[in-house]
Every structure is written in C-alpha cells, then in structure tokens.
Amino acid sequence: MLFWRPKYYLILAWFLVATIVILSLLPSSEMPQLHWWGSIQPDKIGHILFYSASAWCFKKYSQHQTSFFRISYIYLALIFMGIALECLQKLMVLGRQFDLFDVIANCIGVILVKLASSTK
C-alpha cells in the first residue's frame, strides 16, 4: 500500500476545497441535472462526501504535526466556508439559492470525520 507523505494530503485537501468553491459558485444552468433521482436530493450526498474528504485530508496532513485544537479550527473553518458559500449563492444572481440542508450536509461531512478520529 502506498503511504503518502503529509504534503500530498495537504495538496489533495486544498484541491478538494477549490473544487467545492468552484462547484458551489457555478451558475445553476451549469450544474448537471439528475431528474431520474426523483425526490431524492443527490447533491446532499455530494456535500457530505466532499466536505468529509477534505476534512479527512486535512486531518491526515496535520495528525503528526499539530495539536487537537488546530485540527478543530480546520473543521470549524470548513463549516464556516460552507455557510459562506451558501450565503454567496443567495447573493449572486446565478440561479442558486441558500439551502439550509446543504449547510447541514456540509456539517455532517465534517462531523463524521471528527467522530471517526475521536474513536481511535
């Protein structure tokens, strides 16, 4: 199994953050439509996956270098980033709107990583 150096986790984490920002601020006409899902909102799964993946990469990067409080600040920063992006969606005239359930899904993604790391 390939063991990555911590810097690779940091690079991947920032790549995921950039991807989150870009996808969050794309106009709604640019977003893929998945009509076959019906009433299920698959974007919430995407929110959970992207935020948990970025939180996990930041955790892997910092687990040997920083204190518990620093990684907690990173988790909080990811949550605040998600809230800020939702607020920007409301302010921008791109067909997007603030969605509280997106914020909740973002928080769930980060909290899952926090809970998984605290059980070890």
PDB file of N, CA and C in Angstrom:
ATOM      1  N   MET A   1       0.842  -1.193   0.000  1.00  0.00           N
ATOM      2  CA  MET A   1       0.000   0.000   0.000  1.00  0.00           C
ATOM      3  C   MET A   1       0.876   1.241   0.000  1.00  0.00           C
ATOM      4  N   LEU A   2       0.495   2.216  -0.775  1.00  0.00           N
ATOM      5  CA  LEU A   2       1.247   3.453  -0.884  1.00  0.00           C
ATOM      6  C   LEU A   2       0.918   4.350   0.305  1.00  0.00           C
ATOM      7  N   PHE A   3       1.960   4.714   1.038  1.00  0.00           N
ATOM      8  CA  PHE A   3       1.768   5.654   2.135  1.00  0.00           C
ATOM      9  C   PHE A   3       2.210   7.029   1.661  1.00  0.00           C
ATOM     10  N   TRP A   4       1.295   7.938   1.627  1.00  0.00           N
ATOM     11  CA  TRP A   4       1.588   9.277   1.136  1.00  0.00           C
ATOM     12  C   TRP A   4       2.316  10.078   2.191  1.00  0.00           C
ATOM     13  N   ARG A   5       3.095  10.993   1.734  1.00  0.00           N
ATOM     14  CA  ARG A   5       3.707  11.959   2.627  1.00  0.00           C
ATOM     15  C   ARG A   5       2.638  12.965   3.018  1.00  0.00           C
ATOM     16  N   PRO A   6       2.799  13.586   4.176  1.00  0.00           N
ATOM     17  CA  PRO A   6       1.783  14.555   4.613  1.00  0.00           C
ATOM     18  C   PRO A   6       1.500  15.666   3.610  1.00  0.00           C
ATOM     19  N   LYS A   7       2.520  16.101   2.867  1.00  0.00           N
ATOM     20  CA  LYS A   7       2.284  17.204   1.925  1.00  0.00           C
ATOM     21  C   LYS A   7       1.294  16.808   0.836  1.00  0.00           C
ATOM     22  N   TYR A   8       1.232  15.527   0.476  1.00  0.00           N
ATOM     23  CA  TYR A   8       0.273  15.099  -0.536  1.00  0.00           C
ATOM     24  C   TYR A   8      -1.165  15.202  -0.023  1.00  0.00           C
ATOM     25  N   TYR A   9      -1.355  14.938   1.257  1.00  0.00           N
ATOM     26  CA  TYR A   9      -2.686  15.112   1.842  1.00  0.00           C
ATOM     27  C   TYR A   9      -3.080  16.587   1.832  1.00  0.00           C
ATOM     28  N   LEU A  10      -2.110  17.447   2.115  1.00  0.00           N
ATOM     29  CA  LEU A  10      -2.394  18.878   2.108  1.00  0.00           C
ATOM     30  C   LEU A  10      -2.750  19.353   0.704  1.00  0.00           C
ATOM     31  N   ILE A  11      -2.019  18.898  -0.293  1.00  0.00           N
ATOM     32  CA  ILE A  11      -2.313  19.270  -1.682  1.00  0.00           C
ATOM     33  C   ILE A  11      -3.706  18.786  -2.072  1.00  0.00           C
ATOM     34  N   LEU A  12      -4.024  17.539  -1.729  1.00  0.00           N
ATOM     35  CA  LEU A  12      -5.345  16.995  -2.053  1.00  0.00           C
ATOM     36  C   LEU A  12      -6.446  17.744  -1.308  1.00  0.00           C
ATOM     37  N   ALA A  13      -6.196  18.089  -0.052  1.00  0.00           N
ATOM     38  CA  ALA A  13      -7.195  18.828   0.727  1.00  0.00           C
ATOM     39  C   ALA A  13      -7.502  20.171   0.076  1.00  0.00           C
ATOM     40  N   TRP A  14      -6.469  20.902  -0.328  1.00  0.00           N
ATOM     41  CA  TRP A  14      -6.695  22.196  -0.962  1.00  0.00           C
ATOM     42  C   TRP A  14      -7.330  22.049  -2.344  1.00  0.00           C
ATOM     43  N   PHE A  15      -7.007  20.969  -3.050  1.00  0.00           N
ATOM     44  CA  PHE A  15      -7.669  20.697  -4.322  1.00  0.00           C
ATOM     45  C   PHE A  15      -9.167  20.477  -4.098  1.00  0.00           C
ATOM     46  N   LEU A  16      -9.508  19.728  -3.057  1.00  0.00           N
ATOM     47  CA  LEU A  16     -10.919  19.492  -2.750  1.00  0.00           C
ATOM     48  C   LEU A  16     -11.623  20.782  -2.348  1.00  0.00           C
ATOM     49  N   VAL A  17     -10.956  21.630  -1.575  1.00  0.00           N
ATOM     50  CA  VAL A  17     -11.547  22.912  -1.190  1.00  0.00           C
ATOM     51  C   VAL A  17     -11.798  23.757  -2.430  1.00  0.00           C
ATOM     52  N   ALA A  18     -10.835  23.804  -3.341  1.00  0.00           N
ATOM     53  CA  ALA A  18     -11.019  24.569  -4.583  1.00  0.00           C
ATOM     54  C   ALA A  18     -12.179  24.005  -5.401  1.00  0.00           C
ATOM     55  N   THR A  19     -12.284  22.681  -5.451  1.00  0.00           N
ATOM     56  CA  THR A  19     -13.389  22.043  -6.177  1.00  0.00           C
ATOM     57  C   THR A  19     -14.728  22.404  -5.537  1.00  0.00           C
ATOM     58  N   ILE A  20     -14.783  22.392  -4.221  1.00  0.00           N
ATOM     59  CA  ILE A  20     -16.015  22.761  -3.515  1.00  0.00           C
ATOM     60  C   ILE A  20     -16.409  24.189  -3.861  1.00  0.00           C
ATOM     61  N   VAL A  21     -15.450  25.108  -3.813  1.00  0.00           N
ATOM     62  CA  VAL A  21     -15.741  26.520  -4.104  1.00  0.00           C
ATOM     63  C   VAL A  21     -16.241  26.675  -5.533  1.00  0.00           C
ATOM     64  N   ILE A  22     -15.556  26.051  -6.483  1.00  0.00           N
ATOM     65  CA  ILE A  22     -15.957  26.173  -7.889  1.00  0.00           C
ATOM     66  C   ILE A  22     -17.352  25.602  -8.114  1.00  0.00           C
ATOM     67  N   LEU A  23     -17.593  24.394  -7.603  1.00  0.00           N
ATOM     68  CA  LEU A  23     -18.909  23.781  -7.800  1.00  0.00           C
ATOM     69  C   LEU A  23     -20.016  24.556  -7.091  1.00  0.00           C
ATOM     70  N   SER A  24     -19.692  25.146  -5.950  1.00  0.00           N
ATOM     71  CA  SER A  24     -20.702  25.898  -5.199  1.00  0.00           C
ATOM     72  C   SER A  24     -21.078  27.198  -5.881  1.00  0.00           C
ATOM     73  N   LEU A  25     -20.162  27.769  -6.644  1.00  0.00           N
ATOM     74  CA  LEU A  25     -20.421  29.075  -7.242  1.00  0.00           C
ATOM     75  C   LEU A  25     -20.730  29.028  -8.732  1.00  0.00           C
ATOM     76  N   LEU A  26     -20.827  27.822  -9.292  1.00  0.00           N
ATOM     77  CA  LEU A  26     -21.241  27.697 -10.690  1.00  0.00           C
ATOM     78  C   LEU A  26     -22.698  28.122 -10.837  1.00  0.00           C
ATOM     79  N   PRO A  27     -23.052  28.730 -11.950  1.00  0.00           N
ATOM     80  CA  PRO A  27     -24.472  29.037 -12.186  1.00  0.00           C
ATOM     81  C   PRO A  27     -25.290  27.746 -12.217  1.00  0.00           C
ATOM     82  N   SER A  28     -26.540  27.839 -11.836  1.00  0.00           N
ATOM     83  CA  SER A  28     -27.380  26.639 -11.790  1.00  0.00           C
ATOM     84  C   SER A  28     -27.537  26.002 -13.160  1.00  0.00           C
ATOM     85  N   SER A  29     -27.441  26.791 -14.219  1.00  0.00           N
ATOM     86  CA  SER A  29     -27.568  26.225 -15.566  1.00  0.00           C
ATOM     87  C   SER A  29     -26.373  25.343 -15.916  1.00  0.00           C
ATOM     88  N   GLU A  30     -25.255  25.523 -15.232  1.00  0.00           N
ATOM     89  CA  GLU A  30     -24.050  24.729 -15.485  1.00  0.00           C
ATOM     90  C   GLU A  30     -24.031  23.432 -14.676  1.00  0.00           C
ATOM     91  N   MET A  31     -24.898  23.299 -13.708  1.00  0.00           N
ATOM     92  CA  MET A  31     -24.914  22.128 -12.836  1.00  0.00           C
ATOM     93  C   MET A  31     -25.601  20.966 -13.540  1.00  0.00           C
ATOM     94  N   PRO A  32     -25.088  19.758 -13.371  1.00  0.00           N
ATOM     95  CA  PRO A  32     -25.737  18.604 -14.001  1.00  0.00           C
ATOM     96  C   PRO A  32     -27.108  18.337 -13.384  1.00  0.00           C
ATOM     97  N   GLN A  33     -28.053  17.960 -14.220  1.00  0.00           N
ATOM     98  CA  GLN A  33     -29.408  17.663 -13.764  1.00  0.00           C
ATOM     99  C   GLN A  33     -29.590  16.150 -13.691  1.00  0.00           C
ATOM    100  N   LEU A  34     -30.056  15.672 -12.565  1.00  0.00           N
ATOM    101  CA  LEU A  34     -30.279  14.239 -12.373  1.00  0.00           C
ATOM    102  C   LEU A  34     -31.762  14.009 -12.095  1.00  0.00           C
ATOM    103  N   HIS A  35     -32.565  14.115 -13.115  1.00  0.00           N
ATOM    104  CA  HIS A  35     -34.009  14.009 -12.937  1.00  0.00           C
ATOM    105  C   HIS A  35     -34.447  12.608 -12.528  1.00  0.00           C
ATOM    106  N   TRP A  36     -33.677  11.596 -12.855  1.00  0.00           N
ATOM    107  CA  TRP A  36     -34.083  10.229 -12.579  1.00  0.00           C
ATOM    108  C   TRP A  36     -34.043   9.896 -11.091  1.00  0.00           C
ATOM    109  N   TRP A  37     -33.448  10.762 -10.273  1.00  0.00           N
ATOM    110  CA  TRP A  37     -33.401  10.504  -8.829  1.00  0.00           C
ATOM    111  C   TRP A  37     -34.746  10.817  -8.166  1.00  0.00           C
ATOM    112  N   GLY A  38     -35.615  11.504  -8.865  1.00  0.00           N
ATOM    113  CA  GLY A  38     -36.919  11.824  -8.296  1.00  0.00           C
ATOM    114  C   GLY A  38     -36.808  12.804  -7.154  1.00  0.00           C
ATOM    115  N   SER A  39     -37.411  12.451  -6.041  1.00  0.00           N
ATOM    116  CA  SER A  39     -37.457  13.382  -4.908  1.00  0.00           C
ATOM    117  C   SER A  39     -36.199  13.350  -4.046  1.00  0.00           C
ATOM    118  N   ILE A  40     -35.315  12.392  -4.275  1.00  0.00           N
ATOM    119  CA  ILE A  40     -34.066  12.330  -3.521  1.00  0.00           C
ATOM    120  C   ILE A  40     -33.153  13.436  -4.020  1.00  0.00           C
ATOM    121  N   GLN A  41     -32.460  14.072  -3.118  1.00  0.00           N
ATOM    122  CA  GLN A  41     -31.545  15.140  -3.500  1.00  0.00           C
ATOM    123  C   GLN A  41     -30.112  14.608  -3.436  1.00  0.00           C
ATOM    124  N   PRO A  42     -29.583  14.123  -4.564  1.00  0.00           N
ATOM    125  CA  PRO A  42     -28.246  13.516  -4.545  1.00  0.00           C
ATOM    126  C   PRO A  42     -27.137  14.512  -4.252  1.00  0.00           C
ATOM    127  N   ASP A  43     -27.424  15.805  -4.407  1.00  0.00           N
ATOM    128  CA  ASP A  43     -26.376  16.778  -4.122  1.00  0.00           C
ATOM    129  C   ASP A  43     -25.997  16.783  -2.646  1.00  0.00           C
ATOM    130  N   LYS A  44     -26.908  16.375  -1.776  1.00  0.00           N
ATOM    131  CA  LYS A  44     -26.583  16.318  -0.334  1.00  0.00           C
ATOM    132  C   LYS A  44     -25.512  15.262  -0.072  1.00  0.00           C
ATOM    133  N   ILE A  45     -25.569  14.155  -0.818  1.00  0.00           N
ATOM    134  CA  ILE A  45     -24.539  13.121  -0.694  1.00  0.00           C
ATOM    135  C   ILE A  45     -23.200  13.700  -1.146  1.00  0.00           C
ATOM    136  N   GLY A  46     -23.224  14.475  -2.224  1.00  0.00           N
ATOM    137  CA  GLY A  46     -22.008  15.130  -2.702  1.00  0.00           C
ATOM    138  C   GLY A  46     -21.436  16.090  -1.674  1.00  0.00           C
ATOM    139  N   HIS A  47     -22.316  16.845  -1.019  1.00  0.00           N
ATOM    140  CA  HIS A  47     -21.855  17.764   0.034  1.00  0.00           C
ATOM    141  C   HIS A  47     -21.166  16.980   1.151  1.00  0.00           C
ATOM    142  N   ILE A  48     -21.798  15.926   1.595  1.00  0.00           N
ATOM    143  CA  ILE A  48     -21.220  15.119   2.674  1.00  0.00           C
ATOM    144  C   ILE A  48     -19.874  14.539   2.241  1.00  0.00           C
ATOM    145  N   LEU A  49     -19.818  13.979   1.032  1.00  0.00           N
ATOM    146  CA  LEU A  49     -18.582  13.349   0.561  1.00  0.00           C
ATOM    147  C   LEU A  49     -17.446  14.350   0.384  1.00  0.00           C
ATOM    148  N   PHE A  50     -17.713  15.478  -0.246  1.00  0.00           N
ATOM    149  CA  PHE A  50     -16.649  16.447  -0.483  1.00  0.00           C
ATOM    150  C   PHE A  50     -16.135  17.060   0.814  1.00  0.00           C
ATOM    151  N   TYR A  51     -17.051  17.412   1.727  1.00  0.00           N
ATOM    152  CA  TYR A  51     -16.613  18.017   2.983  1.00  0.00           C
ATOM    153  C   TYR A  51     -15.922  17.003   3.886  1.00  0.00           C
ATOM    154  N   SER A  52     -16.384  15.769   3.892  1.00  0.00           N
ATOM    155  CA  SER A  52     -15.705  14.764   4.713  1.00  0.00           C
ATOM    156  C   SER A  52     -14.346  14.416   4.113  1.00  0.00           C
ATOM    157  N   ALA A  53     -14.238  14.353   2.798  1.00  0.00           N
ATOM    158  CA  ALA A  53     -12.954  14.054   2.163  1.00  0.00           C
ATOM    159  C   ALA A  53     -11.936  15.153   2.439  1.00  0.00           C
ATOM    160  N   SER A  54     -12.356  16.402   2.338  1.00  0.00           N
ATOM    161  CA  SER A  54     -11.416  17.493   2.610  1.00  0.00           C
ATOM    162  C   SER A  54     -11.037  17.532   4.087  1.00  0.00           C
ATOM    163  N   ALA A  55     -11.990  17.310   4.983  1.00  0.00           N
ATOM    164  CA  ALA A  55     -11.674  17.277   6.425  1.00  0.00           C
ATOM    165  C   ALA A  55     -10.717  16.127   6.733  1.00  0.00           C
ATOM    166  N   TRP A  56     -10.934  14.976   6.089  1.00  0.00           N
ATOM    167  CA  TRP A  56     -10.072  13.822   6.331  1.00  0.00           C
ATOM    168  C   TRP A  56      -8.645  14.089   5.839  1.00  0.00           C
ATOM    169  N   CYS A  57      -8.523  14.718   4.671  1.00  0.00           N
ATOM    170  CA  CYS A  57      -7.190  15.025   4.144  1.00  0.00           C
ATOM    171  C   CYS A  57      -6.459  16.019   5.042  1.00  0.00           C
ATOM    172  N   PHE A  58      -7.160  17.045   5.513  1.00  0.00           N
ATOM    173  CA  PHE A  58      -6.537  17.987   6.444  1.00  0.00           C
ATOM    174  C   PHE A  58      -6.134  17.273   7.737  1.00  0.00           C
ATOM    175  N   LYS A  59      -6.971  16.351   8.206  1.00  0.00           N
ATOM    176  CA  LYS A  59      -6.654  15.601   9.429  1.00  0.00           C
ATOM    177  C   LYS A  59      -5.415  14.742   9.208  1.00  0.00           C
ATOM    178  N   LYS A  60      -5.353  14.049   8.077  1.00  0.00           N
ATOM    179  CA  LYS A  60      -4.188  13.208   7.792  1.00  0.00           C
ATOM    180  C   LYS A  60      -2.918  14.040   7.690  1.00  0.00           C
ATOM    181  N   TYR A  61      -3.026  15.224   7.108  1.00  0.00           N
ATOM    182  CA  TYR A  61      -1.866  16.097   6.998  1.00  0.00           C
ATOM    183  C   TYR A  61      -1.381  16.552   8.369  1.00  0.00           C
ATOM    184  N   SER A  62      -2.303  16.904   9.225  1.00  0.00           N
ATOM    185  CA  SER A  62      -1.925  17.549  10.480  1.00  0.00           C
ATOM    186  C   SER A  62      -1.852  16.612  11.680  1.00  0.00           C
ATOM    187  N   GLN A  63      -2.138  15.334  11.524  1.00  0.00           N
ATOM    188  CA  GLN A  63      -2.224  14.464  12.687  1.00  0.00           C
ATOM    189  C   GLN A  63      -0.898  14.310  13.426  1.00  0.00           C
ATOM    190  N   HIS A  64       0.229  14.429  12.751  1.00  0.00           N
ATOM    191  CA  HIS A  64       1.524  14.284  13.412  1.00  0.00           C
ATOM    192  C   HIS A  64       2.205  15.624  13.651  1.00  0.00           C
ATOM    193  N   GLN A  65       1.571  16.697  13.216  1.00  0.00           N
ATOM    194  CA  GLN A  65       2.239  17.993  13.257  1.00  0.00           C
ATOM    195  C   GLN A  65       1.585  19.001  14.177  1.00  0.00           C
ATOM    196  N   THR A  66       0.320  18.846  14.423  1.00  0.00           N
ATOM    197  CA  THR A  66      -0.383  19.900  15.150  1.00  0.00           C
ATOM    198  C   THR A  66      -1.162  19.331  16.321  1.00  0.00           C
ATOM    199  N   SER A  67      -1.651  20.237  17.100  1.00  0.00           N
ATOM    200  CA  SER A  67      -2.430  19.846  18.272  1.00  0.00           C
ATOM    201  C   SER A  67      -3.882  19.582  17.904  1.00  0.00           C
ATOM    202  N   PHE A  68      -4.598  19.040  18.852  1.00  0.00           N
ATOM    203  CA  PHE A  68      -6.025  18.768  18.690  1.00  0.00           C
ATOM    204  C   PHE A  68      -6.781  20.053  18.357  1.00  0.00           C
ATOM    205  N   PHE A  69      -6.378  21.158  18.986  1.00  0.00           N
ATOM    206  CA  PHE A  69      -7.103  22.410  18.791  1.00  0.00           C
ATOM    207  C   PHE A  69      -6.939  22.949  17.370  1.00  0.00           C
ATOM    208  N   ARG A  70      -5.784  22.741  16.771  1.00  0.00           N
ATOM    209  CA  ARG A  70      -5.578  23.236  15.414  1.00  0.00           C
ATOM    210  C   ARG A  70      -6.471  22.504  14.420  1.00  0.00           C
ATOM    211  N   ILE A  71      -6.572  21.192  14.528  1.00  0.00           N
ATOM    212  CA  ILE A  71      -7.442  20.455  13.609  1.00  0.00           C
ATOM    213  C   ILE A  71      -8.904  20.819  13.862  1.00  0.00           C
ATOM    214  N   SER A  72      -9.246  21.121  15.105  1.00  0.00           N
ATOM    215  CA  SER A  72     -10.616  21.577  15.396  1.00  0.00           C
ATOM    216  C   SER A  72     -10.898  22.898  14.697  1.00  0.00           C
ATOM    217  N   TYR A  73      -9.906  23.778  14.651  1.00  0.00           N
ATOM    218  CA  TYR A  73     -10.081  25.041  13.933  1.00  0.00           C
ATOM    219  C   TYR A  73     -10.261  24.799  12.434  1.00  0.00           C
ATOM    220  N   ILE A  74      -9.560  23.814  11.908  1.00  0.00           N
ATOM    221  CA  ILE A  74      -9.716  23.481  10.491  1.00  0.00           C
ATOM    222  C   ILE A  74     -11.131  22.969  10.232  1.00  0.00           C
ATOM    223  N   TYR A  75     -11.640  22.110  11.126  1.00  0.00           N
ATOM    224  CA  TYR A  75     -13.014  21.627  10.980  1.00  0.00           C
ATOM    225  C   TYR A  75     -13.999  22.794  11.007  1.00  0.00           C
ATOM    226  N   LEU A  76     -13.803  23.714  11.962  1.00  0.00           N
ATOM    227  CA  LEU A  76     -14.686  24.882  12.043  1.00  0.00           C
ATOM    228  C   LEU A  76     -14.571  25.752  10.790  1.00  0.00           C
ATOM    229  N   ALA A  77     -13.357  25.899  10.270  1.00  0.00           N
ATOM    230  CA  ALA A  77     -13.170  26.699   9.055  1.00  0.00           C
ATOM    231  C   ALA A  77     -13.919  26.088   7.871  1.00  0.00           C
ATOM    232  N   LEU A  78     -13.909  24.762   7.767  1.00  0.00           N
ATOM    233  CA  LEU A  78     -14.656  24.106   6.690  1.00  0.00           C
ATOM    234  C   LEU A  78     -16.158  24.340   6.840  1.00  0.00           C
ATOM    235  N   ILE A  79     -16.646  24.271   8.072  1.00  0.00           N
ATOM    236  CA  ILE A  79     -18.079  24.519   8.309  1.00  0.00           C
ATOM    237  C   ILE A  79     -18.434  25.959   7.959  1.00  0.00           C
ATOM    238  N   PHE A  80     -17.600  26.913   8.399  1.00  0.00           N
ATOM    239  CA  PHE A  80     -17.870  28.322   8.081  1.00  0.00           C
ATOM    240  C   PHE A  80     -17.737  28.592   6.587  1.00  0.00           C
ATOM    241  N   MET A  81     -16.817  27.900   5.918  1.00  0.00           N
ATOM    242  CA  MET A  81     -16.697  28.041   4.474  1.00  0.00           C
ATOM    243  C   MET A  81     -17.992  27.599   3.790  1.00  0.00           C
ATOM    244  N   GLY A  82     -18.565  26.485   4.258  1.00  0.00           N
ATOM    245  CA  GLY A  82     -19.820  26.006   3.690  1.00  0.00           C
ATOM    246  C   GLY A  82     -20.957  26.990   3.878  1.00  0.00           C
ATOM    247  N   ILE A  83     -21.014  27.599   5.060  1.00  0.00           N
ATOM    248  CA  ILE A  83     -22.050  28.617   5.318  1.00  0.00           C
ATOM    249  C   ILE A  83     -21.830  29.832   4.430  1.00  0.00           C
ATOM    250  N   ALA A  84     -20.579  30.276   4.316  1.00  0.00           N
ATOM    251  CA  ALA A  84     -20.264  31.445   3.488  1.00  0.00           C
ATOM    252  C   ALA A  84     -20.601  31.192   2.020  1.00  0.00           C
ATOM    253  N   LEU A  85     -20.303  29.997   1.530  1.00  0.00           N
ATOM    254  CA  LEU A  85     -20.615  29.691   0.130  1.00  0.00           C
ATOM    255  C   LEU A  85     -22.114  29.674  -0.115  1.00  0.00           C
ATOM    256  N   GLU A  86     -22.874  29.171   0.841  1.00  0.00           N
ATOM    257  CA  GLU A  86     -24.334  29.192   0.693  1.00  0.00           C
ATOM    258  C   GLU A  86     -24.857  30.630   0.700  1.00  0.00           C
ATOM    259  N   CYS A  87     -24.283  31.479   1.536  1.00  0.00           N
ATOM    260  CA  CYS A  87     -24.685  32.891   1.551  1.00  0.00           C
ATOM    261  C   CYS A  87     -24.320  33.568   0.235  1.00  0.00           C
ATOM    262  N   LEU A  88     -23.148  33.245  -0.315  1.00  0.00           N
ATOM    263  CA  LEU A  88     -22.762  33.799  -1.614  1.00  0.00           C
ATOM    264  C   LEU A  88     -23.707  33.349  -2.714  1.00  0.00           C
ATOM    265  N   GLN A  89     -24.163  32.115  -2.636  1.00  0.00           N
ATOM    266  CA  GLN A  89     -25.117  31.639  -3.644  1.00  0.00           C
ATOM    267  C   GLN A  89     -26.384  32.473  -3.606  1.00  0.00           C
ATOM    268  N   LYS A  90     -26.803  32.881  -2.428  1.00  0.00           N
ATOM    269  CA  LYS A  90     -28.016  33.693  -2.309  1.00  0.00           C
ATOM    270  C   LYS A  90     -27.778  35.102  -2.867  1.00  0.00           C
ATOM    271  N   LEU A  91     -26.571  35.637  -2.630  1.00  0.00           N
ATOM    272  CA  LEU A  91     -26.272  36.997  -3.071  1.00  0.00           C
ATOM    273  C   LEU A  91     -26.024  37.097  -4.567  1.00  0.00           C
ATOM    274  N   MET A  92     -25.497  36.037  -5.154  1.00  0.00           N
ATOM    275  CA  MET A  92     -25.184  36.072  -6.583  1.00  0.00           C
ATOM    276  C   MET A  92     -26.448  35.820  -7.399  1.00  0.00           C
ATOM    277  N   VAL A  93     -26.481  36.388  -8.568  1.00  0.00           N
ATOM    278  CA  VAL A  93     -27.654  36.239  -9.421  1.00  0.00           C
ATOM    279  C   VAL A  93     -27.342  35.166 -10.465  1.00  0.00           C
ATOM    280  N   LEU A  94     -27.169  33.937  -9.991  1.00  0.00           N
ATOM    281  CA  LEU A  94     -26.795  32.855 -10.892  1.00  0.00           C
ATOM    282  C   LEU A  94     -27.788  31.700 -10.843  1.00  0.00           C
ATOM    283  N   GLY A  95     -28.964  31.944 -10.303  1.00  0.00           N
ATOM    284  CA  GLY A  95     -29.967  30.894 -10.236  1.00  0.00           C
ATOM    285  C   GLY A  95     -29.770  29.945  -9.069  1.00  0.00           C
ATOM    286  N   ARG A  96     -28.870  30.272  -8.166  1.00  0.00           N
ATOM    287  CA  ARG A  96     -28.635  29.438  -6.989  1.00  0.00           C
ATOM    288  C   ARG A  96     -29.275  30.122  -5.798  1.00  0.00           C
ATOM    289  N   GLN A  97     -29.538  29.360  -4.740  1.00  0.00           N
ATOM    290  CA  GLN A  97     -30.110  29.948  -3.546  1.00  0.00           C
ATOM    291  C   GLN A  97     -29.516  29.296  -2.298  1.00  0.00           C
ATOM    292  N   PHE A  98     -29.683  29.984  -1.184  1.00  0.00           N
ATOM    293  CA  PHE A  98     -29.241  29.456   0.102  1.00  0.00           C
ATOM    294  C   PHE A  98     -30.077  28.226   0.431  1.00  0.00           C
ATOM    295  N   ASP A  99     -29.431  27.155   0.837  1.00  0.00           N
ATOM    296  CA  ASP A  99     -30.133  25.926   1.191  1.00  0.00           C
ATOM    297  C   ASP A  99     -29.613  25.448   2.544  1.00  0.00           C
ATOM    298  N   LEU A 100     -30.454  25.535   3.547  1.00  0.00           N
ATOM    299  CA  LEU A 100     -30.068  25.124   4.897  1.00  0.00           C
ATOM    300  C   LEU A 100     -29.670  23.652   4.932  1.00  0.00           C
ATOM    301  N   PHE A 101     -30.303  22.823   4.115  1.00  0.00           N
ATOM    302  CA  PHE A 101     -29.968  21.397   4.099  1.00  0.00           C
ATOM    303  C   PHE A 101     -28.579  21.146   3.507  1.00  0.00           C
ATOM    304  N   ASP A 102     -28.114  22.037   2.617  1.00  0.00           N
ATOM    305  CA  ASP A 102     -26.731  21.945   2.151  1.00  0.00           C
ATOM    306  C   ASP A 102     -25.770  22.231   3.299  1.00  0.00           C
ATOM    307  N   VAL A 103     -26.082  23.233   4.091  1.00  0.00           N
ATOM    308  CA  VAL A 103     -25.246  23.564   5.253  1.00  0.00           C
ATOM    309  C   VAL A 103     -25.209  22.388   6.223  1.00  0.00           C
ATOM    310  N   ILE A 104     -26.349  21.779   6.452  1.00  0.00           N
ATOM    311  CA  ILE A 104     -26.418  20.623   7.356  1.00  0.00           C
ATOM    312  C   ILE A 104     -25.600  19.460   6.790  1.00  0.00           C
ATOM    313  N   ALA A 105     -25.703  19.222   5.487  1.00  0.00           N
ATOM    314  CA  ALA A 105     -24.932  18.143   4.862  1.00  0.00           C
ATOM    315  C   ALA A 105     -23.430  18.418   4.965  1.00  0.00           C
ATOM    316  N   ASN A 106     -23.020  19.671   4.780  1.00  0.00           N
ATOM    317  CA  ASN A 106     -21.608  20.034   4.937  1.00  0.00           C
ATOM    318  C   ASN A 106     -21.133  19.726   6.355  1.00  0.00           C
ATOM    319  N   CYS A 107     -21.929  20.128   7.320  1.00  0.00           N
ATOM    320  CA  CYS A 107     -21.583  19.893   8.730  1.00  0.00           C
ATOM    321  C   CYS A 107     -21.515  18.396   9.033  1.00  0.00           C
ATOM    322  N   ILE A 108     -22.434  17.639   8.485  1.00  0.00           N
ATOM    323  CA  ILE A 108     -22.427  16.184   8.706  1.00  0.00           C
ATOM    324  C   ILE A 108     -21.127  15.591   8.176  1.00  0.00           C
ATOM    325  N   GLY A 109     -20.688  16.014   6.997  1.00  0.00           N
ATOM    326  CA  GLY A 109     -19.443  15.505   6.432  1.00  0.00           C
ATOM    327  C   GLY A 109     -18.259  15.761   7.344  1.00  0.00           C
ATOM    328  N   VAL A 110     -18.146  16.970   7.869  1.00  0.00           N
ATOM    329  CA  VAL A 110     -17.034  17.311   8.760  1.00  0.00           C
ATOM    330  C   VAL A 110     -17.163  16.577  10.090  1.00  0.00           C
ATOM    331  N   ILE A 111     -18.364  16.511  10.628  1.00  0.00           N
ATOM    332  CA  ILE A 111     -18.580  15.858  11.927  1.00  0.00           C
ATOM    333  C   ILE A 111     -18.294  14.365  11.847  1.00  0.00           C
ATOM    334  N   LEU A 112     -18.611  13.740  10.723  1.00  0.00           N
ATOM    335  CA  LEU A 112     -18.305  12.317  10.569  1.00  0.00           C
ATOM    336  C   LEU A 112     -16.803  12.054  10.699  1.00  0.00           C
ATOM    337  N   VAL A 113     -16.004  12.913  10.100  1.00  0.00           N
ATOM    338  CA  VAL A 113     -14.544  12.757  10.215  1.00  0.00           C
ATOM    339  C   VAL A 113     -14.104  13.011  11.638  1.00  0.00           C
ATOM    340  N   LYS A 114     -14.665  14.026  12.277  1.00  0.00           N
ATOM    341  CA  LYS A 114     -14.322  14.328  13.668  1.00  0.00           C
ATOM    342  C   LYS A 114     -14.670  13.146  14.575  1.00  0.00           C
ATOM    343  N   LEU A 115     -15.853  12.577  14.403  1.00  0.00           N
ATOM    344  CA  LEU A 115     -16.272  11.445  15.232  1.00  0.00           C
ATOM    345  C   LEU A 115     -15.421  10.212  14.959  1.00  0.00           C
ATOM    346  N   ALA A 116     -15.084   9.982  13.696  1.00  0.00           N
ATOM    347  CA  ALA A 116     -14.270   8.825  13.352  1.00  0.00           C
ATOM    348  C   ALA A 116     -12.868   8.953  13.937  1.00  0.00           C
ATOM    349  N   SER A 117     -12.342  10.166  13.972  1.00  0.00           N
ATOM    350  CA  SER A 117     -10.994  10.350  14.506  1.00  0.00           C
ATOM    351  C   SER A 117     -10.974  10.333  16.030  1.00  0.00           C
ATOM    352  N   SER A 118     -12.087  10.646  16.667  1.00  0.00           N
ATOM    353  CA  SER A 118     -12.108  10.662  18.138  1.00  0.00           C
ATOM    354  C   SER A 118     -12.341   9.272  18.716  1.00  0.00           C
ATOM    355  N   THR A 119     -12.754   8.316  17.893  1.00  0.00           N
ATOM    356  CA  THR A 119     -12.974   6.961  18.396  1.00  0.00           C
ATOM    357  C   THR A 119     -11.709   6.128  18.371  1.00  0.00           C
ATOM    358  N   LYS A 120     -10.652   6.648  17.772  1.00  0.00           N
ATOM    359  CA  LYS A 120      -9.394   5.889  17.681  1.00  0.00           C
ATOM    360  C   LYS A 120      -8.544   6.105  18.903  1.00  0.00           C
TER     361      LYS A 120
END
